[in-house]
Amino acid sequence: MTLLITVIAAVISTVVWYTSPKARQMKVGVLLYMFWGASLMWLVDSVVEYAEQRAEFFAPAFADMVNDTFLGISVAVLALVVWVIYVLIKDPAGTVREILKKRS
């Protein structure tokens, strides 16, 4: 499930980045690199796990599926949080800068 969740997030962020100039301005490329990197990591993990377990790999326990789902969602949320912090620091639209100028 972790692989599936991160691949879906990577594909969605890639489509958004590719189709929207505003998304490119908002640094969605950083987000899609994080998702594709996580997807690659989970792919390697799945290959190694399959090499160890063989047929058992395709019949995971329910508890393992739930844990993997929560882990995949956690990874996606963490990537989104890191991206939001990155966008706030880089401030590509100048919004934070304008708010700080108005305050002082």
N, C-alpha and C. Protein backbone atom coordinates (compact mmCIF):
# COMPACT_ATOMS: atom_id res chain seq x y z
N MET A 1 0.81 -1.20 0.00
CA MET A 1 0.00 0.00 0.00
C MET A 1 0.85 1.26 0.00
N THR A 2 2.00 1.23 0.65
CA THR A 2 2.85 2.42 0.66
C THR A 2 3.29 2.77 -0.76
N LEU A 3 3.66 1.75 -1.52
CA LEU A 3 4.07 1.98 -2.90
C LEU A 3 2.91 2.54 -3.71
N LEU A 4 1.75 1.97 -3.56
CA LEU A 4 0.58 2.42 -4.31
C LEU A 4 0.21 3.86 -3.98
N ILE A 5 0.21 4.20 -2.72
CA ILE A 5 -0.16 5.56 -2.30
C ILE A 5 0.84 6.57 -2.81
N THR A 6 2.13 6.28 -2.70
CA THR A 6 3.12 7.25 -3.15
C THR A 6 3.16 7.35 -4.68
N VAL A 7 2.91 6.27 -5.39
CA VAL A 7 2.86 6.36 -6.86
C VAL A 7 1.66 7.19 -7.31
N ILE A 8 0.52 6.99 -6.67
CA ILE A 8 -0.66 7.79 -7.00
C ILE A 8 -0.39 9.27 -6.73
N ALA A 9 0.21 9.57 -5.58
CA ALA A 9 0.55 10.96 -5.26
C ALA A 9 1.56 11.53 -6.25
N ALA A 10 2.53 10.71 -6.66
CA ALA A 10 3.53 11.17 -7.63
C ALA A 10 2.89 11.45 -8.99
N VAL A 11 2.01 10.59 -9.43
CA VAL A 11 1.35 10.80 -10.72
C VAL A 11 0.47 12.04 -10.67
N ILE A 12 -0.29 12.21 -9.61
CA ILE A 12 -1.16 13.38 -9.49
C ILE A 12 -0.33 14.67 -9.48
N SER A 13 0.73 14.70 -8.68
CA SER A 13 1.55 15.91 -8.63
C SER A 13 2.26 16.17 -9.96
N THR A 14 2.64 15.12 -10.67
CA THR A 14 3.27 15.29 -11.97
C THR A 14 2.29 15.87 -12.99
N VAL A 15 1.07 15.36 -12.99
CA VAL A 15 0.05 15.88 -13.91
C VAL A 15 -0.26 17.34 -13.59
N VAL A 16 -0.38 17.67 -12.32
CA VAL A 16 -0.64 19.05 -11.92
C VAL A 16 0.53 19.94 -12.36
N TRP A 17 1.73 19.51 -12.11
CA TRP A 17 2.91 20.29 -12.50
C TRP A 17 2.98 20.49 -14.01
N TYR A 18 2.66 19.44 -14.76
CA TYR A 18 2.78 19.49 -16.21
C TYR A 18 1.70 20.37 -16.85
N THR A 19 0.51 20.37 -16.28
CA THR A 19 -0.61 21.07 -16.92
C THR A 19 -0.80 22.50 -16.44
N SER A 20 -0.17 22.90 -15.36
CA SER A 20 -0.45 24.21 -14.78
C SER A 20 0.82 25.06 -14.63
N PRO A 21 0.89 26.17 -15.35
CA PRO A 21 2.04 27.08 -15.16
C PRO A 21 2.09 27.65 -13.73
N LYS A 22 0.92 27.87 -13.13
CA LYS A 22 0.87 28.36 -11.75
C LYS A 22 1.51 27.33 -10.79
N ALA A 23 1.29 26.05 -11.06
CA ALA A 23 1.88 25.00 -10.22
C ALA A 23 3.40 25.00 -10.35
N ARG A 24 3.90 25.24 -11.55
CA ARG A 24 5.35 25.32 -11.71
C ARG A 24 5.92 26.52 -10.96
N GLN A 25 5.19 27.61 -10.95
CA GLN A 25 5.63 28.79 -10.20
C GLN A 25 5.63 28.51 -8.70
N MET A 26 4.68 27.69 -8.24
CA MET A 26 4.57 27.38 -6.81
C MET A 26 5.46 26.20 -6.40
N LYS A 27 6.40 25.84 -7.25
CA LYS A 27 7.43 24.83 -6.93
C LYS A 27 6.85 23.44 -6.67
N VAL A 28 5.83 23.04 -7.42
CA VAL A 28 5.27 21.70 -7.28
C VAL A 28 6.29 20.65 -7.74
N GLY A 29 7.28 21.06 -8.52
CA GLY A 29 8.34 20.15 -8.94
C GLY A 29 9.07 19.53 -7.76
N VAL A 30 9.26 20.31 -6.71
CA VAL A 30 9.90 19.79 -5.50
C VAL A 30 9.05 18.69 -4.90
N LEU A 31 7.75 18.90 -4.88
CA LEU A 31 6.83 17.91 -4.33
C LEU A 31 6.84 16.63 -5.16
N LEU A 32 6.81 16.77 -6.47
CA LEU A 32 6.78 15.55 -7.29
C LEU A 32 8.10 14.78 -7.18
N TYR A 33 9.22 15.47 -7.01
CA TYR A 33 10.48 14.75 -6.79
C TYR A 33 10.46 13.97 -5.48
N MET A 34 9.85 14.56 -4.45
CA MET A 34 9.75 13.84 -3.17
C MET A 34 8.89 12.59 -3.33
N PHE A 35 7.75 12.73 -4.02
CA PHE A 35 6.87 11.58 -4.21
C PHE A 35 7.52 10.51 -5.09
N TRP A 36 8.18 10.91 -6.17
CA TRP A 36 8.83 9.90 -7.02
C TRP A 36 9.99 9.24 -6.29
N GLY A 37 10.72 9.98 -5.45
CA GLY A 37 11.78 9.38 -4.65
C GLY A 37 11.24 8.37 -3.65
N ALA A 38 10.13 8.72 -3.01
CA ALA A 38 9.51 7.78 -2.07
C ALA A 38 9.00 6.55 -2.81
N SER A 39 8.45 6.75 -4.01
CA SER A 39 7.95 5.62 -4.81
C SER A 39 9.09 4.68 -5.18
N LEU A 40 10.21 5.25 -5.56
CA LEU A 40 11.38 4.43 -5.90
C LEU A 40 11.87 3.66 -4.67
N MET A 41 11.87 4.32 -3.52
CA MET A 41 12.29 3.65 -2.29
C MET A 41 11.36 2.48 -1.96
N TRP A 42 10.04 2.69 -2.06
CA TRP A 42 9.09 1.61 -1.76
C TRP A 42 9.15 0.50 -2.81
N LEU A 43 9.48 0.85 -4.05
CA LEU A 43 9.63 -0.18 -5.08
C LEU A 43 10.80 -1.10 -4.75
N VAL A 44 11.93 -0.52 -4.37
CA VAL A 44 13.08 -1.33 -3.98
C VAL A 44 12.75 -2.17 -2.76
N ASP A 45 12.04 -1.58 -1.79
CA ASP A 45 11.63 -2.33 -0.60
C ASP A 45 10.74 -3.50 -0.98
N SER A 46 9.81 -3.29 -1.91
CA SER A 46 8.91 -4.37 -2.33
C SER A 46 9.66 -5.48 -3.05
N VAL A 47 10.62 -5.12 -3.88
CA VAL A 47 11.40 -6.14 -4.59
C VAL A 47 12.19 -6.99 -3.61
N VAL A 48 12.82 -6.34 -2.64
CA VAL A 48 13.59 -7.08 -1.63
C VAL A 48 12.67 -7.95 -0.78
N GLU A 49 11.52 -7.41 -0.41
CA GLU A 49 10.57 -8.20 0.39
C GLU A 49 10.05 -9.40 -0.40
N TYR A 50 9.79 -9.20 -1.69
CA TYR A 50 9.35 -10.32 -2.53
C TYR A 50 10.44 -11.37 -2.64
N ALA A 51 11.69 -10.95 -2.76
CA ALA A 51 12.80 -11.90 -2.85
C ALA A 51 12.91 -12.75 -1.59
N GLU A 52 12.55 -12.17 -0.46
CA GLU A 52 12.62 -12.91 0.80
C GLU A 52 11.40 -13.81 1.04
N GLN A 53 10.21 -13.35 0.66
CA GLN A 53 8.99 -14.06 1.02
C GLN A 53 8.38 -14.89 -0.10
N ARG A 54 8.66 -14.57 -1.32
CA ARG A 54 8.06 -15.21 -2.51
C ARG A 54 6.54 -15.15 -2.48
N ALA A 55 5.87 -16.29 -2.45
CA ALA A 55 4.40 -16.33 -2.58
C ALA A 55 3.69 -15.65 -1.41
N GLU A 56 4.29 -15.66 -0.23
CA GLU A 56 3.68 -15.03 0.93
C GLU A 56 3.55 -13.52 0.76
N PHE A 57 4.34 -12.95 -0.12
CA PHE A 57 4.32 -11.51 -0.37
C PHE A 57 2.95 -11.06 -0.87
N PHE A 58 2.25 -11.91 -1.61
CA PHE A 58 0.98 -11.55 -2.21
C PHE A 58 -0.22 -11.83 -1.32
N ALA A 59 0.01 -12.32 -0.11
CA ALA A 59 -1.08 -12.58 0.84
C ALA A 59 -0.73 -11.99 2.22
N PRO A 60 -0.66 -10.65 2.29
CA PRO A 60 -0.30 -10.04 3.58
C PRO A 60 -1.45 -10.12 4.58
N ALA A 61 -1.10 -10.07 5.83
CA ALA A 61 -2.10 -10.05 6.89
C ALA A 61 -2.82 -8.70 6.88
N PHE A 62 -4.05 -8.70 7.40
CA PHE A 62 -4.84 -7.47 7.44
C PHE A 62 -4.13 -6.38 8.23
N ALA A 63 -3.54 -6.73 9.35
CA ALA A 63 -2.84 -5.75 10.18
C ALA A 63 -1.67 -5.12 9.42
N ASP A 64 -0.96 -5.93 8.62
CA ASP A 64 0.13 -5.40 7.81
C ASP A 64 -0.38 -4.42 6.76
N MET A 65 -1.54 -4.72 6.18
CA MET A 65 -2.13 -3.82 5.18
C MET A 65 -2.52 -2.49 5.81
N VAL A 66 -3.09 -2.54 6.99
CA VAL A 66 -3.49 -1.31 7.68
C VAL A 66 -2.26 -0.49 8.04
N ASN A 67 -1.23 -1.15 8.57
CA ASN A 67 0.01 -0.45 8.92
C ASN A 67 0.64 0.19 7.68
N ASP A 68 0.67 -0.54 6.58
CA ASP A 68 1.24 0.00 5.34
C ASP A 68 0.43 1.18 4.82
N THR A 69 -0.89 1.11 4.97
CA THR A 69 -1.74 2.23 4.53
C THR A 69 -1.46 3.46 5.37
N PHE A 70 -1.40 3.31 6.68
CA PHE A 70 -1.09 4.46 7.54
C PHE A 70 0.30 5.00 7.25
N LEU A 71 1.26 4.14 6.98
CA LEU A 71 2.60 4.60 6.66
C LEU A 71 2.60 5.37 5.34
N GLY A 72 1.90 4.88 4.34
CA GLY A 72 1.82 5.57 3.06
C GLY A 72 1.17 6.93 3.18
N ILE A 73 0.08 7.00 3.95
CA ILE A 73 -0.58 8.29 4.16
C ILE A 73 0.32 9.24 4.94
N SER A 74 1.04 8.71 5.92
CA SER A 74 1.96 9.53 6.71
C SER A 74 3.08 10.10 5.84
N VAL A 75 3.59 9.29 4.94
CA VAL A 75 4.65 9.75 4.04
C VAL A 75 4.12 10.85 3.12
N ALA A 76 2.92 10.67 2.59
CA ALA A 76 2.32 11.68 1.71
C ALA A 76 2.08 12.99 2.46
N VAL A 77 1.56 12.90 3.66
CA VAL A 77 1.30 14.10 4.46
C VAL A 77 2.60 14.79 4.83
N LEU A 78 3.61 14.03 5.22
CA LEU A 78 4.90 14.62 5.56
C LEU A 78 5.51 15.33 4.36
N ALA A 79 5.41 14.73 3.18
CA ALA A 79 5.92 15.38 1.97
C ALA A 79 5.18 16.69 1.71
N LEU A 80 3.88 16.69 1.91
CA LEU A 80 3.10 17.92 1.72
C LEU A 80 3.50 18.99 2.73
N VAL A 81 3.74 18.61 3.98
CA VAL A 81 4.17 19.55 5.00
C VAL A 81 5.53 20.14 4.66
N VAL A 82 6.46 19.30 4.24
CA VAL A 82 7.80 19.77 3.85
C VAL A 82 7.69 20.73 2.67
N TRP A 83 6.83 20.40 1.70
CA TRP A 83 6.65 21.27 0.54
C TRP A 83 6.06 22.61 0.94
N VAL A 84 5.07 22.62 1.82
CA VAL A 84 4.48 23.88 2.27
C VAL A 84 5.51 24.75 2.97
N ILE A 85 6.34 24.15 3.82
CA ILE A 85 7.40 24.90 4.50
C ILE A 85 8.38 25.45 3.47
N TYR A 86 8.73 24.64 2.47
CA TYR A 86 9.63 25.08 1.40
C TYR A 86 9.05 26.28 0.65
N VAL A 87 7.76 26.19 0.31
CA VAL A 87 7.10 27.28 -0.42
C VAL A 87 7.03 28.54 0.45
N LEU A 88 6.77 28.38 1.73
CA LEU A 88 6.73 29.55 2.62
C LEU A 88 8.11 30.21 2.72
N ILE A 89 9.16 29.42 2.74
CA ILE A 89 10.51 29.97 2.83
C ILE A 89 10.91 30.64 1.52
N LYS A 90 10.66 29.98 0.40
CA LYS A 90 11.03 30.53 -0.92
C LYS A 90 10.12 31.69 -1.32
N ASP A 91 8.86 31.64 -0.94
CA ASP A 91 7.86 32.68 -1.20
C ASP A 91 7.87 33.12 -2.67
N PRO A 92 7.55 32.20 -3.60
CA PRO A 92 7.64 32.52 -5.02
C PRO A 92 6.67 33.61 -5.48
N ALA A 93 5.55 33.78 -4.83
CA ALA A 93 4.58 34.80 -5.23
C ALA A 93 4.79 36.11 -4.47
N GLY A 94 5.67 36.11 -3.48
CA GLY A 94 5.94 37.32 -2.71
C GLY A 94 4.88 37.67 -1.69
N THR A 95 4.01 36.75 -1.38
CA THR A 95 2.90 37.01 -0.47
C THR A 95 3.38 37.25 0.96
N VAL A 96 4.25 36.40 1.43
CA VAL A 96 4.75 36.54 2.81
C VAL A 96 5.53 37.85 2.95
N ARG A 97 6.30 38.19 1.94
CA ARG A 97 7.06 39.44 1.96
C ARG A 97 6.13 40.65 2.08
N GLU A 98 5.04 40.64 1.32
CA GLU A 98 4.08 41.75 1.37
C GLU A 98 3.42 41.86 2.73
N ILE A 99 3.06 40.72 3.30
CA ILE A 99 2.43 40.74 4.63
C ILE A 99 3.40 41.28 5.67
N LEU A 100 4.65 40.89 5.60
CA LEU A 100 5.64 41.39 6.56
C LEU A 100 5.90 42.88 6.37
N LYS A 101 5.88 43.37 5.15
CA LYS A 101 6.06 44.81 4.90
C LYS A 101 4.90 45.62 5.46
N LYS A 102 3.69 45.10 5.33
CA LYS A 102 2.52 45.81 5.86
C LYS A 102 2.54 45.88 7.37
N ARG A 103 3.09 44.88 8.01
CA ARG A 103 3.13 44.86 9.47
C ARG A 103 4.15 45.86 10.02
N SER A 104 5.23 46.06 9.31
CA SER A 104 6.28 46.94 9.87
C SER A 104 6.17 48.35 9.40
